[in-house]
Amino acid sequence: MDSVEYRLYGGGMSLSGNDAAELIDLQERAEKVLSVLRSDQHE
């Protein structure tokens, strides 16, 4: 198994740790920014 496959399958297990939390945090921040931008446009 090459390194790319390892990252996709074996290394993917690490996503259940800090990486997943960071992705969720970034996603929540992005949604807040988008909602702020949308509300600014309506005013």
N, C-alpha and C. Protein backbone atom coordinates (compact mmCIF):
# COMPACT_ATOMS: atom_id res chain seq x y z
N MET A 1 0.85 -1.20 0.00
CA MET A 1 0.00 0.00 0.00
C MET A 1 0.88 1.24 0.00
N ASP A 2 0.65 2.15 -0.95
CA ASP A 2 1.50 3.33 -1.01
C ASP A 2 1.05 4.38 0.00
N SER A 3 1.81 5.46 0.10
CA SER A 3 1.56 6.44 1.15
C SER A 3 0.22 7.14 0.97
N VAL A 4 -0.21 7.35 -0.29
CA VAL A 4 -1.49 8.02 -0.51
C VAL A 4 -2.63 7.15 0.00
N GLU A 5 -2.60 5.86 -0.33
CA GLU A 5 -3.63 4.96 0.16
C GLU A 5 -3.59 4.87 1.68
N TYR A 6 -2.39 4.89 2.25
CA TYR A 6 -2.28 4.84 3.71
C TYR A 6 -2.95 6.05 4.32
N ARG A 7 -2.72 7.20 3.72
CA ARG A 7 -3.31 8.42 4.26
C ARG A 7 -4.84 8.37 4.15
N LEU A 8 -5.34 7.83 3.03
CA LEU A 8 -6.79 7.78 2.83
C LEU A 8 -7.46 6.78 3.76
N TYR A 9 -6.83 5.61 3.94
CA TYR A 9 -7.48 4.54 4.70
C TYR A 9 -6.95 4.45 6.13
N GLY A 10 -5.67 4.16 6.27
CA GLY A 10 -5.09 4.03 7.60
C GLY A 10 -5.01 5.37 8.31
N GLY A 11 -4.48 6.38 7.62
CA GLY A 11 -4.33 7.69 8.23
C GLY A 11 -5.65 8.37 8.49
N GLY A 12 -6.70 7.93 7.79
CA GLY A 12 -8.01 8.54 7.97
C GLY A 12 -8.55 8.34 9.38
N MET A 13 -8.04 7.33 10.08
CA MET A 13 -8.51 7.07 11.43
C MET A 13 -8.20 8.25 12.34
N SER A 14 -7.14 9.01 12.03
CA SER A 14 -6.77 10.15 12.86
C SER A 14 -7.78 11.28 12.75
N LEU A 15 -8.65 11.22 11.74
CA LEU A 15 -9.67 12.25 11.58
C LEU A 15 -10.67 12.25 12.73
N SER A 16 -10.76 11.14 13.45
CA SER A 16 -11.67 11.08 14.59
C SER A 16 -11.15 11.90 15.77
N GLY A 17 -9.91 12.37 15.65
CA GLY A 17 -9.30 13.16 16.71
C GLY A 17 -9.37 14.65 16.46
N ASN A 18 -8.23 15.32 16.59
CA ASN A 18 -8.19 16.78 16.51
C ASN A 18 -8.58 17.31 15.14
N ASP A 19 -8.21 16.60 14.07
CA ASP A 19 -8.50 17.08 12.72
C ASP A 19 -10.00 17.25 12.51
N ALA A 20 -10.78 16.29 12.94
CA ALA A 20 -12.23 16.36 12.77
C ALA A 20 -12.80 17.53 13.56
N ALA A 21 -12.30 17.72 14.78
CA ALA A 21 -12.77 18.83 15.61
C ALA A 21 -12.45 20.16 14.94
N GLU A 22 -11.25 20.25 14.36
CA GLU A 22 -10.86 21.48 13.67
C GLU A 22 -11.75 21.72 12.46
N LEU A 23 -12.03 20.67 11.70
CA LEU A 23 -12.89 20.81 10.52
C LEU A 23 -14.29 21.28 10.92
N ILE A 24 -14.83 20.70 11.98
CA ILE A 24 -16.16 21.10 12.46
C ILE A 24 -16.12 22.55 12.92
N ASP A 25 -15.05 22.93 13.63
CA ASP A 25 -14.91 24.30 14.13
C ASP A 25 -14.85 25.28 12.96
N LEU A 26 -14.06 24.94 11.95
CA LEU A 26 -13.96 25.81 10.77
C LEU A 26 -15.30 25.90 10.06
N GLN A 27 -16.01 24.79 9.98
CA GLN A 27 -17.31 24.78 9.30
C GLN A 27 -18.30 25.67 10.04
N GLU A 28 -18.31 25.58 11.38
CA GLU A 28 -19.22 26.40 12.17
C GLU A 28 -18.88 27.88 12.00
N ARG A 29 -17.57 28.21 11.99
CA ARG A 29 -17.17 29.60 11.81
C ARG A 29 -17.59 30.10 10.44
N ALA A 30 -17.42 29.26 9.42
CA ALA A 30 -17.79 29.65 8.06
C ALA A 30 -19.30 29.91 7.98
N GLU A 31 -20.09 29.07 8.65
CA GLU A 31 -21.54 29.27 8.63
C GLU A 31 -21.92 30.56 9.33
N LYS A 32 -21.23 30.91 10.43
CA LYS A 32 -21.51 32.16 11.13
C LYS A 32 -21.20 33.35 10.23
N VAL A 33 -20.05 33.28 9.56
CA VAL A 33 -19.65 34.37 8.66
C VAL A 33 -20.67 34.53 7.54
N LEU A 34 -21.10 33.40 6.96
CA LEU A 34 -22.08 33.46 5.87
C LEU A 34 -23.40 34.04 6.36
N SER A 35 -23.83 33.68 7.54
CA SER A 35 -25.10 34.20 8.06
C SER A 35 -24.99 35.70 8.32
N VAL A 36 -23.83 36.15 8.80
CA VAL A 36 -23.61 37.58 9.02
C VAL A 36 -23.64 38.31 7.69
N LEU A 37 -22.98 37.75 6.69
CA LEU A 37 -22.97 38.39 5.37
C LEU A 37 -24.38 38.46 4.80
N ARG A 38 -25.15 37.40 4.99
CA ARG A 38 -26.53 37.39 4.46
C ARG A 38 -27.37 38.44 5.17
N SER A 39 -27.25 38.56 6.48
CA SER A 39 -28.05 39.53 7.22
C SER A 39 -27.64 40.95 6.86
N ASP A 40 -26.36 41.17 6.57
CA ASP A 40 -25.90 42.50 6.15
C ASP A 40 -26.53 42.89 4.83
N GLN A 41 -26.69 41.93 3.94
CA GLN A 41 -27.25 42.22 2.62
C GLN A 41 -28.73 42.59 2.73
N HIS A 42 -29.43 42.04 3.71
CA HIS A 42 -30.87 42.30 3.83
C HIS A 42 -31.13 43.69 4.40
N GLU A 43 -30.21 44.22 5.19
CA GLU A 43 -30.44 45.52 5.83
C GLU A 43 -30.34 46.67 4.84
